[in-house]
């Protein structure tokens, strides 16, 4: 699987009664594809997968796969605090004909490096689909360190790692120690320029839901500096806290309303929306309407 380009972990829209809105999911898929994104992650963190029931996960993934119709790769986000739960999720994903997986470490569990590698190998090998590891220790409490990665690097189905640890010193380590085995994928929107300047060619970015033009502009060396400078205040503001609520609110400002979040998260208050609106105005051409 080619990971080049910008892949969006699609938000999950909810209707006024709090239910998953499949019609809006299908619409957002078309918006993302019309904006030239290279792939979609279904049921990722930005999609509030942790708050979905198993049947809602089925609805989200199946709706995305059905709407995409093979035009771009679809990865399924895989969490699960036990190996059994994660295997159940990957088997569902395989049943729904996704192209690959994005596999996070088990949150709250705090496994050792060896236990983490054993867990991930068992999960991926249950369905044998191309898989991107998701390294986000601030959320999961566990990092894919060198010991665990050494145990995973020779698994032919481990093709990349979404690096969201915040430790930019890991970029050269990946490029040297795991070259040709594990491709590094940008997973930190506000640090994206550093990744791209280092030669990274793949980005799984939550804010691509709202800022696809800017993301593609940052990927392109000819426009990177201008695009990054224009939207950096937005990226930093959203990454400072309330990421999902702010991303959904930003989408609404730009013409793709889907502001409802699922408890315990709250939707963004009016004052927060106005702050985002001001940042959008400053970003100019790099934050155009989505539709």
Protein backbone atom coordinates (compact mmCIF):
# COMPACT_ATOMS: atom_id res chain seq x y z
CA UNK A 1 0.00 0.00 0.00
CA UNK A 2 1.29 3.43 -0.97
CA UNK A 3 1.06 5.82 1.99
CA UNK A 4 2.10 8.93 0.06
CA UNK A 5 -0.08 12.02 0.39
CA UNK A 6 -2.53 13.30 2.97
CA UNK A 7 -4.91 10.83 4.60
CA UNK A 8 -7.75 12.16 6.71
CA UNK A 9 -9.03 10.46 9.88
CA UNK A 10 -12.62 11.40 9.18
CA UNK A 11 -14.73 12.96 11.92
CA UNK A 12 -17.93 11.16 12.87
CA UNK A 13 -20.99 13.41 12.48
CA UNK A 14 -23.84 12.89 14.92
CA UNK A 15 -27.42 14.02 14.37
CA UNK A 16 -29.45 16.20 16.74
CA UNK A 17 -30.41 13.16 18.81
CA UNK A 18 -26.82 12.05 19.19
CA UNK A 19 -26.94 9.15 16.75
CA UNK A 20 -24.31 8.43 14.10
CA UNK A 21 -25.38 10.26 10.94
CA UNK A 22 -24.52 7.93 8.04
CA UNK A 23 -25.86 10.32 5.41
CA UNK A 24 -23.53 13.06 6.62
CA UNK A 25 -20.61 10.62 6.70
CA UNK A 26 -21.19 9.83 3.03
CA UNK A 27 -21.36 13.54 2.23
CA UNK A 28 -18.11 14.25 4.07
CA UNK A 29 -16.38 11.46 2.17
CA UNK A 30 -17.27 13.22 -1.07
CA UNK A 31 -16.06 16.55 0.32
CA UNK A 32 -12.71 15.01 1.25
CA UNK A 33 -12.28 13.32 -2.13
CA UNK A 34 -13.26 16.50 -3.97
CA UNK A 35 -10.43 18.20 -2.08
CA UNK A 36 -7.91 15.66 -3.44
CA UNK A 37 -7.03 13.82 -0.25
CA UNK A 38 -5.19 10.54 -0.74
CA UNK A 39 -6.95 8.29 1.76
CA UNK A 40 -9.39 8.06 4.65
CA UNK A 41 -9.06 6.57 8.11
CA UNK A 42 -12.40 5.32 9.43
CA UNK A 43 -13.06 5.16 13.17
CA UNK A 44 -9.87 6.87 14.26
CA UNK A 45 -9.33 9.08 17.29
CA UNK A 46 -10.59 12.16 15.44
CA UNK A 47 -13.64 10.07 14.54
CA UNK A 48 -14.38 9.56 18.27
CA UNK A 49 -14.06 5.81 17.80
CA UNK A 50 -13.55 5.35 21.54
CA UNK A 51 -17.15 6.54 22.05
CA UNK A 52 -18.74 4.27 19.43
CA UNK A 53 -20.50 1.01 20.12
CA UNK A 54 -19.40 -1.99 18.07
CA UNK A 55 -22.42 -1.65 15.80
CA UNK A 56 -21.78 2.08 15.36
CA UNK A 57 -18.21 1.22 14.40
CA UNK A 58 -19.67 -1.10 11.78
CA UNK A 59 -21.90 1.70 10.48
CA UNK A 60 -19.06 4.22 10.27
CA UNK A 61 -16.61 1.91 8.51
CA UNK A 62 -19.13 0.36 6.14
CA UNK A 63 -20.52 3.76 5.15
CA UNK A 64 -17.06 5.08 4.35
CA UNK A 65 -15.98 1.99 2.41
CA UNK A 66 -19.24 1.95 0.46
CA UNK A 67 -19.02 5.63 -0.40
CA UNK A 68 -15.33 5.58 -1.35
CA UNK A 69 -15.89 2.73 -3.83
CA UNK A 70 -12.19 2.00 -4.10
CA UNK A 71 -11.18 5.49 -5.19
CA UNK A 72 -8.66 5.87 -2.34
CA UNK A 73 -7.42 3.51 0.38
CA UNK A 74 -9.50 3.22 3.54
CA UNK A 75 -7.77 2.35 6.80
CA UNK A 76 -9.71 1.32 9.90
CA UNK A 77 -8.61 2.70 13.25
CA UNK A 78 -8.02 -0.07 15.79
CA UNK A 79 -7.94 0.51 19.54
CA UNK A 80 -9.10 -1.88 22.21
CA UNK A 81 -7.72 -2.17 25.74
CA UNK A 82 -7.34 -5.95 25.42
CA UNK A 83 -5.90 -8.07 22.65
CA UNK A 84 -9.22 -9.87 22.30
CA UNK A 85 -11.14 -6.63 21.88
CA UNK A 86 -8.68 -5.31 19.28
CA UNK A 87 -8.84 -8.59 17.33
CA UNK A 88 -12.62 -8.32 17.29
CA UNK A 89 -12.23 -4.83 15.78
CA UNK A 90 -9.77 -5.94 13.09
CA UNK A 91 -11.94 -8.87 12.09
CA UNK A 92 -14.86 -6.47 11.62
CA UNK A 93 -12.63 -4.19 9.55
CA UNK A 94 -11.55 -7.08 7.34
CA UNK A 95 -15.15 -8.21 6.94
CA UNK A 96 -16.04 -4.70 5.74
CA UNK A 97 -13.24 -4.80 3.12
CA UNK A 98 -10.98 -2.01 4.34
CA UNK A 99 -7.61 -1.70 2.65
CA UNK A 100 -5.56 -1.53 5.82
CA UNK A 101 -5.39 -0.73 9.51
CA UNK A 102 -4.12 1.98 11.85
CA UNK A 103 -3.29 0.24 15.11
CA UNK A 104 -2.83 2.07 18.40
CA UNK A 105 -1.37 0.68 21.58
CA UNK A 106 -3.89 -0.37 24.22
CA UNK A 107 -4.82 2.67 26.28
CA UNK A 108 -4.70 2.57 30.10
CA UNK A 109 -3.00 -0.85 30.17
CA UNK A 110 0.68 0.22 30.28
CA UNK A 111 2.17 -2.93 28.73
CA UNK A 112 5.91 -3.51 28.59
CA UNK A 113 7.65 -3.11 25.23
CA UNK A 114 7.60 -6.87 24.71
CA UNK A 115 3.93 -7.10 25.69
CA UNK A 116 3.05 -4.22 23.35
CA UNK A 117 4.79 -5.89 20.41
CA UNK A 118 3.15 -9.24 21.17
CA UNK A 119 -0.26 -7.54 21.33
CA UNK A 120 0.18 -5.69 18.03
CA UNK A 121 1.57 -8.72 16.20
CA UNK A 122 -1.38 -10.81 17.36
CA UNK A 123 -3.87 -8.13 16.27
CA UNK A 124 -2.34 -7.56 12.83
CA UNK A 125 -1.70 -11.23 12.13
CA UNK A 126 -5.34 -12.02 12.87
CA UNK A 127 -6.30 -10.50 9.49
CA UNK A 128 -2.97 -9.88 7.70
CA UNK A 129 -3.75 -6.43 6.34
CA UNK A 130 -1.22 -3.62 5.71
CA UNK A 131 -0.96 -1.73 8.98
CA UNK A 132 0.21 1.64 10.21
CA UNK A 133 1.14 1.79 13.89
CA UNK A 134 -0.25 4.79 15.78
CA UNK A 135 2.23 6.21 18.26
CA UNK A 136 0.42 8.67 20.53
CA UNK A 137 1.62 8.10 24.10
CA UNK A 138 -0.09 11.24 25.39
CA UNK A 139 -3.40 9.49 24.72
CA UNK A 140 -2.55 5.81 25.21
CA UNK A 141 0.08 6.02 27.96
CA UNK A 142 2.42 3.70 26.05
CA UNK A 143 5.01 4.40 23.35
CA UNK A 144 6.27 2.31 20.47
CA UNK A 145 9.88 2.48 21.64
CA UNK A 146 12.88 0.90 19.93
CA UNK A 147 12.49 -2.39 21.78
CA UNK A 148 8.89 -2.84 20.68
CA UNK A 149 9.60 -1.56 17.16
CA UNK A 150 12.53 -3.96 16.76
CA UNK A 151 10.09 -6.78 17.48
CA UNK A 152 7.55 -5.42 14.98
CA UNK A 153 9.77 -4.21 12.13
CA UNK A 154 10.06 -7.60 10.44
CA UNK A 155 6.30 -8.18 10.38
CA UNK A 156 5.58 -7.81 6.66
CA UNK A 157 2.20 -6.24 7.41
CA UNK A 158 3.65 -3.38 9.48
CA UNK A 159 4.25 -0.77 6.78
CA UNK A 160 4.38 2.52 8.67
CA UNK A 161 3.97 4.44 11.90
CA UNK A 162 1.93 7.56 12.48
CA UNK A 163 4.32 9.49 14.68
CA UNK A 164 2.40 11.70 17.10
CA UNK A 165 4.70 11.42 20.10
CA UNK A 166 5.83 15.06 19.91
CA UNK A 167 9.48 13.93 19.97
CA UNK A 168 10.91 15.23 16.70
CA UNK A 169 14.25 13.56 17.47
CA UNK A 170 12.57 10.26 16.56
CA UNK A 171 12.36 11.27 12.88
CA UNK A 172 16.04 10.63 12.04
CA UNK A 173 15.97 7.47 14.17
CA UNK A 174 13.16 6.07 12.04
CA UNK A 175 14.83 7.09 8.80
CA UNK A 176 18.02 5.28 9.74
CA UNK A 177 17.07 2.35 11.97
CA UNK A 178 13.89 1.28 10.14
CA UNK A 179 14.56 2.46 6.58
CA UNK A 180 12.76 0.25 4.08
CA UNK A 181 10.77 -1.49 6.80
CA UNK A 182 8.64 1.06 8.66
CA UNK A 183 7.69 4.27 6.86
CA UNK A 184 7.32 7.32 9.05
CA UNK A 185 3.98 9.13 8.72
CA UNK A 186 3.48 12.66 10.02
CA UNK A 187 1.03 12.59 12.89
CA UNK A 188 1.58 16.05 14.36
CA UNK A 189 -0.14 18.82 12.42
CA UNK A 190 1.62 21.76 14.03
CA UNK A 191 5.02 20.10 13.47
CA UNK A 192 4.21 19.04 9.91
CA UNK A 193 6.79 21.28 8.24
CA UNK A 194 9.58 19.59 10.19
CA UNK A 195 8.40 16.19 8.98
CA UNK A 196 8.11 17.28 5.35
CA UNK A 197 11.45 19.08 5.39
CA UNK A 198 12.96 15.78 6.59
CA UNK A 199 11.62 14.01 3.50
CA UNK A 200 8.46 12.47 4.96
CA UNK A 201 5.91 11.95 2.18
CA UNK A 202 2.87 10.76 4.13
CA UNK A 203 0.61 12.56 6.59
CA UNK A 204 -2.40 11.33 8.55
CA UNK A 205 -3.77 14.62 9.81
CA UNK A 206 -6.97 15.23 11.75
CA UNK A 207 -7.17 18.86 10.71
CA UNK A 208 -7.23 17.79 7.07
CA UNK A 209 -10.96 17.43 7.78
CA UNK A 210 -11.10 21.23 7.69
CA UNK A 211 -7.87 22.37 5.99
CA UNK A 212 -7.17 20.00 3.08
CA UNK A 213 -5.80 22.74 0.83
CA UNK A 214 -3.30 23.82 3.46
CA UNK A 215 -2.24 20.24 4.15
CA UNK A 216 -1.58 19.62 0.47
CA UNK A 217 0.21 22.96 0.29
CA UNK A 218 2.50 21.96 3.15
CA UNK A 219 3.26 18.67 1.43
CA UNK A 220 4.44 20.56 -1.67
CA UNK A 221 7.95 22.01 -1.26
CA UNK A 222 7.04 24.92 -3.55
CA UNK A 223 4.22 26.17 -1.33
CA UNK A 224 5.22 24.66 2.02
CA UNK A 225 6.50 27.78 3.75
CA UNK A 226 3.57 29.98 2.73
CA UNK A 227 0.87 27.40 3.56
CA UNK A 228 2.45 26.49 6.89
CA UNK A 229 2.89 30.08 8.01
CA UNK A 230 -0.70 30.89 7.09
CA UNK A 231 -2.36 28.09 9.06
CA UNK A 232 0.13 27.51 11.88
CA UNK A 233 -1.88 29.68 14.31
CA UNK A 234 -4.93 27.50 13.61
CA UNK A 235 -2.95 24.26 14.00
CA UNK A 236 -1.41 25.40 17.28
CA UNK A 237 -4.72 26.66 18.63
CA UNK A 238 -6.52 23.41 17.89
CA UNK A 239 -3.67 21.27 19.25
CA UNK A 240 -3.66 23.30 22.49
CA UNK A 241 -6.77 21.46 23.68
CA UNK A 242 -10.31 20.36 22.73
CA UNK A 243 -8.98 19.05 19.42
CA UNK A 244 -12.11 17.28 18.22
CA UNK A 245 -14.58 19.98 19.24
CA UNK A 246 -12.44 22.66 17.59
CA UNK A 247 -11.89 20.64 14.41
CA UNK A 248 -15.61 20.02 14.05
CA UNK A 249 -16.39 23.68 14.71
CA UNK A 250 -13.80 24.72 12.14
CA UNK A 251 -15.44 22.45 9.57
CA UNK A 252 -18.73 24.21 10.24
CA UNK A 253 -17.16 27.62 9.71
CA UNK A 254 -15.83 26.39 6.37
CA UNK A 255 -19.13 25.01 5.15
CA UNK A 256 -19.30 21.40 6.37
CA UNK A 257 -21.32 21.53 9.60
CA UNK A 258 -20.90 18.58 11.97
CA UNK A 259 -20.33 20.24 15.33
CA UNK A 260 -22.00 17.68 17.61
CA UNK A 261 -19.59 15.70 19.79
CA UNK A 262 -20.30 12.72 22.01
CA UNK A 263 -20.07 12.94 25.80
CA UNK A 264 -17.92 13.44 27.73
CA UNK A 265 -16.84 15.97 25.08
CA UNK A 266 -18.86 19.17 24.65
CA UNK A 267 -19.38 21.11 21.45
CA UNK A 268 -17.39 24.33 21.15
CA UNK A 269 -19.00 27.40 22.70
CA UNK A 270 -19.82 30.50 20.64
CA UNK A 271 -16.76 32.39 21.91
CA UNK A 272 -14.51 29.57 20.78
CA UNK A 273 -16.15 29.49 17.36
CA UNK A 274 -15.56 33.21 16.94
CA UNK A 275 -11.90 32.80 17.89
CA UNK A 276 -11.56 30.16 15.17
CA UNK A 277 -13.36 32.39 12.70
CA UNK A 278 -10.78 35.13 13.29
CA UNK A 279 -7.93 32.69 12.71
CA UNK A 280 -9.55 31.53 9.47
CA UNK A 281 -9.70 35.13 8.25
CA UNK A 282 -5.97 35.51 8.95
CA UNK A 283 -5.18 32.31 7.01
CA UNK A 284 -6.64 33.73 3.82
CA UNK A 285 -6.48 31.52 0.72
CA UNK A 286 -5.15 28.55 2.68
CA UNK A 287 -8.41 28.10 4.61
CA UNK A 288 -11.09 28.23 1.89
CA UNK A 289 -14.61 26.86 2.15
CA UNK A 290 -14.76 23.10 1.88
CA UNK A 291 -17.74 22.98 -0.48
